[in-house]
Protein backbone atom coordinates (compact mmCIF):
# COMPACT_ATOMS: atom_id res chain seq x y z
CA MET A 1 -1.32 -26.44 13.92
CA THR A 2 -1.74 -24.27 17.01
CA LYS A 3 -2.76 -20.70 16.12
CA LYS A 4 -3.94 -17.58 17.96
CA ILE A 5 -6.15 -14.91 16.42
CA ILE A 6 -4.34 -11.60 16.86
CA PRO A 7 -5.18 -8.34 15.04
CA PHE A 8 -2.71 -7.53 12.25
CA LEU A 9 -1.50 -4.03 11.42
CA ILE A 10 1.03 -2.78 8.89
CA ASN A 11 3.98 -0.68 9.96
CA HIS A 12 4.20 2.19 7.48
CA SER A 13 7.36 3.67 8.98
CA HIS A 14 10.01 2.42 11.41
CA ARG A 15 7.81 1.63 14.37
CA CYS A 16 7.54 -2.17 14.27
CA ALA A 17 7.87 -2.27 18.07
CA GLN A 18 4.96 0.09 18.56
CA VAL A 19 2.84 -1.58 15.85
CA SER A 20 3.48 -5.00 17.40
CA LEU A 21 2.49 -3.64 20.80
CA LYS A 22 -0.64 -2.10 19.30
CA CYS A 23 -1.64 -5.47 17.78
CA ILE A 24 -1.34 -7.16 21.18
CA LEU A 25 -3.16 -4.39 23.02
CA SER A 26 -5.94 -4.40 20.40
CA LYS A 27 -6.54 -8.04 21.30
CA LYS A 28 -6.35 -7.47 25.05
CA PHE A 29 -8.29 -4.19 25.21
CA GLN A 30 -10.88 -4.40 22.47
CA ASP A 31 -12.71 -1.31 23.75
CA ARG A 32 -9.64 0.95 23.69
CA ASN A 33 -7.73 2.29 20.71
CA PHE A 34 -4.08 2.94 21.51
CA THR A 35 -2.59 5.38 19.02
CA LEU A 36 0.95 4.91 17.78
CA GLN A 37 1.82 8.30 19.24
CA GLU A 38 0.63 7.11 22.65
CA LEU A 39 2.67 3.92 22.32
CA GLU A 40 5.73 5.89 21.26
CA TYR A 41 5.37 7.91 24.45
CA LEU A 42 4.94 4.78 26.58
CA THR A 43 8.01 3.14 25.05
CA SER A 44 10.08 6.36 25.07
CA HIS A 45 10.65 6.06 21.34
CA HIS A 46 11.75 8.93 19.13
CA SER A 47 12.31 9.06 15.38
CA ASN A 48 15.22 6.92 14.10
CA GLU A 49 15.87 5.41 17.53
CA VAL A 50 16.03 1.74 18.42
CA THR A 51 13.25 0.43 20.68
CA TYR A 52 14.70 -2.26 22.92
CA PRO A 53 12.50 -5.01 24.43
CA ILE A 54 13.04 -3.49 27.89
CA GLN A 55 11.23 -0.34 26.71
CA ILE A 56 8.25 -2.46 25.66
CA ALA A 57 8.39 -4.24 29.03
CA HIS A 58 8.34 -0.85 30.76
CA ALA A 59 5.22 0.15 28.80
CA LEU A 60 3.48 -3.13 29.68
CA ALA A 61 4.36 -2.64 33.35
CA VAL A 62 2.97 0.91 33.32
CA LEU A 63 -0.25 -0.51 31.86
CA ASP A 64 -0.22 -3.22 34.58
CA ILE A 65 -0.42 -6.04 32.06
CA ASP A 66 0.46 -9.68 32.74
CA PHE A 67 3.70 -10.27 30.82
CA LYS A 68 7.09 -11.92 31.07
CA TYR A 69 10.34 -10.34 29.95
CA TYR A 70 13.33 -12.64 29.61
CA VAL A 71 16.76 -11.16 30.44
CA LYS A 72 20.29 -12.36 31.02
CA PRO A 73 21.34 -12.52 34.71
CA ASN A 74 22.04 -9.24 36.52
CA TRP A 75 21.44 -7.00 33.51
CA ILE A 76 18.53 -5.09 35.02
CA THR A 77 21.00 -3.93 37.68
CA LEU A 78 23.92 -3.48 35.28
CA LEU A 79 21.91 -1.18 33.03
CA SER A 80 22.38 1.53 35.62
CA SER A 81 26.05 1.70 34.62
CA GLN A 82 26.66 3.66 31.43
CA SER A 83 30.27 2.50 31.17
CA ILE A 84 29.35 -1.20 31.44
CA PHE A 85 26.52 -0.75 28.97
CA GLU A 86 28.69 0.96 26.36
CA LYS A 87 31.60 -1.50 26.73
CA SER A 88 29.28 -4.51 26.45
CA LEU A 89 27.56 -3.00 23.42
CA LYS A 90 30.91 -2.49 21.70
CA ASP A 91 32.05 -6.03 22.57
CA PHE A 92 28.85 -7.53 21.13
CA TYR A 93 28.34 -5.44 17.99
CA GLY A 94 31.93 -4.73 17.02
CA ASN A 95 32.31 -2.27 14.16
CA TYR A 96 28.59 -1.51 14.16
CA ALA A 97 28.47 -0.52 17.82
CA GLU A 98 28.91 3.20 17.25
CA ASN A 99 25.92 3.44 14.89
CA ILE A 100 23.78 1.39 17.28
CA LEU A 101 24.85 3.57 20.20
CA LEU A 102 23.88 6.71 18.29
CA ALA A 103 20.42 5.22 17.71
CA THR A 104 20.01 4.17 21.35
CA ASN A 105 18.14 6.24 23.92
CA GLN A 106 20.26 5.30 26.92
CA ASN A 107 18.15 7.36 29.30
CA ALA A 108 15.11 5.33 28.24
CA LEU A 109 16.97 2.09 28.92
CA PHE A 110 18.19 3.21 32.34
CA THR A 111 14.73 4.54 33.28
CA SER A 112 13.08 1.29 32.16
CA ALA A 113 15.59 -0.80 34.10
CA SER A 114 15.03 1.26 37.24
CA PHE A 115 11.25 0.93 36.90
CA LEU A 116 11.46 -2.85 36.40
CA GLN A 117 13.96 -3.50 39.20
CA GLY A 118 12.52 -6.28 41.38
CA ASP A 119 9.51 -6.84 39.12
CA LYS A 120 8.57 -10.53 39.20
CA ARG A 121 7.54 -10.34 35.56
CA VAL A 122 11.21 -9.98 34.67
CA ILE A 123 12.64 -13.49 34.25
CA GLU A 124 16.41 -13.85 34.56
CA SER A 125 18.00 -16.83 32.84
CA PRO A 126 21.49 -17.58 31.53
CA ILE A 127 19.94 -19.75 28.80
CA LYS A 128 17.89 -18.38 25.92
CA PRO A 129 14.32 -19.71 25.86
CA SER A 130 13.75 -22.41 23.26
CA ILE A 131 11.36 -22.46 20.34
CA GLN A 132 9.48 -25.11 22.29
CA SER A 133 8.98 -22.53 25.04
CA LEU A 134 7.40 -20.20 22.46
CA GLU A 135 5.02 -22.98 21.49
CA LYS A 136 4.18 -23.67 25.13
CA ASN A 137 3.46 -19.99 25.71
CA LEU A 138 1.02 -19.98 22.79
CA GLU A 139 -0.75 -23.03 24.22
CA GLU A 140 -1.06 -21.20 27.57
CA GLY A 141 -2.54 -18.07 26.01
CA ASN A 142 0.66 -16.00 26.06
CA ILE A 143 1.60 -14.21 22.87
CA PRO A 144 5.37 -13.95 22.20
CA ILE A 145 6.86 -10.74 20.81
CA CYS A 146 10.33 -11.53 19.48
CA LEU A 147 13.12 -9.22 18.39
CA ILE A 148 15.07 -10.72 15.51
CA ASN A 149 18.09 -9.80 13.46
CA TYR A 150 16.40 -8.54 10.29
CA ASP A 151 19.58 -8.87 8.23
CA ILE A 152 19.87 -12.57 9.04
CA TYR A 153 16.10 -12.99 8.53
CA THR A 154 16.32 -11.51 5.01
CA ASN A 155 19.75 -12.91 4.07
CA ARG A 156 21.41 -9.49 3.88
CA PRO A 157 24.90 -8.50 5.11
CA ASN A 158 24.70 -8.44 8.89
CA LYS A 159 24.59 -4.89 10.25
CA PHE A 160 22.46 -5.89 13.26
CA LYS A 161 19.22 -4.27 12.12
CA GLY A 162 16.34 -5.27 14.39
CA HIS A 163 12.73 -6.17 13.66
CA TYR A 164 9.84 -7.32 15.85
CA LEU A 165 7.63 -10.31 15.03
CA ILE A 166 4.53 -11.53 16.88
CA ILE A 167 4.41 -15.32 17.02
CA THR A 168 0.85 -16.42 16.30
CA GLY A 169 1.16 -20.17 15.73
CA TYR A 170 3.28 -23.16 14.85
CA ASP A 171 3.27 -26.58 13.23
CA SER A 172 5.91 -29.29 13.02
CA THR A 173 8.33 -27.29 10.87
CA ASN A 174 7.29 -23.62 10.95
CA LEU A 175 6.47 -20.77 13.23
CA PHE A 176 3.76 -18.37 12.02
CA CYS A 177 4.16 -14.69 12.72
CA HIS A 178 2.64 -11.30 12.13
CA ASP A 179 5.33 -9.42 10.22
CA SER A 180 4.26 -5.76 10.19
CA GLY A 181 6.79 -4.80 7.55
CA PRO A 182 6.73 -2.34 5.89
CA LYS A 183 8.57 -4.58 3.42
CA GLY A 184 7.03 -8.03 3.12
CA ALA A 185 4.25 -7.28 5.62
CA ALA A 186 1.91 -10.23 6.10
CA PRO A 187 -0.21 -11.86 8.82
CA ASP A 188 0.56 -15.39 10.00
CA LYS A 189 3.65 -15.50 7.81
CA PRO A 190 5.43 -18.87 7.90
CA ILE A 191 9.11 -19.01 8.80
CA SER A 192 10.96 -22.26 9.29
CA LYS A 193 12.01 -22.91 12.86
CA GLU A 194 15.60 -23.28 11.68
CA ALA A 195 15.58 -19.87 9.96
CA PHE A 196 13.89 -18.24 12.94
CA GLN A 197 16.43 -19.67 15.38
CA LYS A 198 19.30 -18.24 13.31
CA ALA A 199 17.73 -14.76 13.25
CA TRP A 200 16.52 -14.72 16.88
CA ASN A 201 19.65 -13.23 18.44
CA LEU A 202 20.08 -9.47 18.56
CA CYS A 203 20.15 -7.87 22.02
CA PHE A 204 23.23 -8.36 24.18
CA PHE A 205 21.52 -8.00 27.58
CA ASP A 206 18.25 -9.87 27.14
CA HIS A 207 16.83 -12.84 25.22
CA ASP A 208 14.86 -10.89 22.58
CA LEU A 209 11.55 -12.08 24.03
CA LEU A 210 8.47 -10.82 25.80
CA THR A 211 5.26 -12.77 26.24
CA VAL A 212 1.92 -11.12 26.94
CA LYS A 213 -1.09 -12.83 28.47
CA VAL A 214 -4.16 -12.23 26.34
């Protein structure tokens, strides 16, 4: 089994994005303690809002960290259009689009997209990265942060609830991840590759993946 030692923290609220980022930064900057409030500011997150991967990418770019953010073609440019964003969101999420839109900080998305425009750390691809690419990233010292569909992950009715996992290792049948919870929080938690693949599909404009060099 390939495994990386990454600090584990429990999410006691609804800040799994910020807690995941804090875990990674605690590994990369062992002499600096990033508070969750600071990370909320960096990711432009407010209570009860969704934190999209692009907001995490923006924070990493501000901190000048070596990362890769995987997006679908042209979406960094298209995010400047509110009408295209809202139509695409409704097409993807159907009946749940209105609730997701209410929980979305569109200004944060547009600001992040503008900041990342032309950044070589943004990787455009029409094809979603494979689980094998996650494994390769781990072998190269890059830690994947993945956004998954938490309803699919927990076998609940699908309302497109999101949750961030840090991939810490793998073997022939499982990925191992830091799941910050709050429910079911555990370090190096095994999830079958088949179950992960089913749940790893949530954002309509990117591939639910960032990798951070540690």
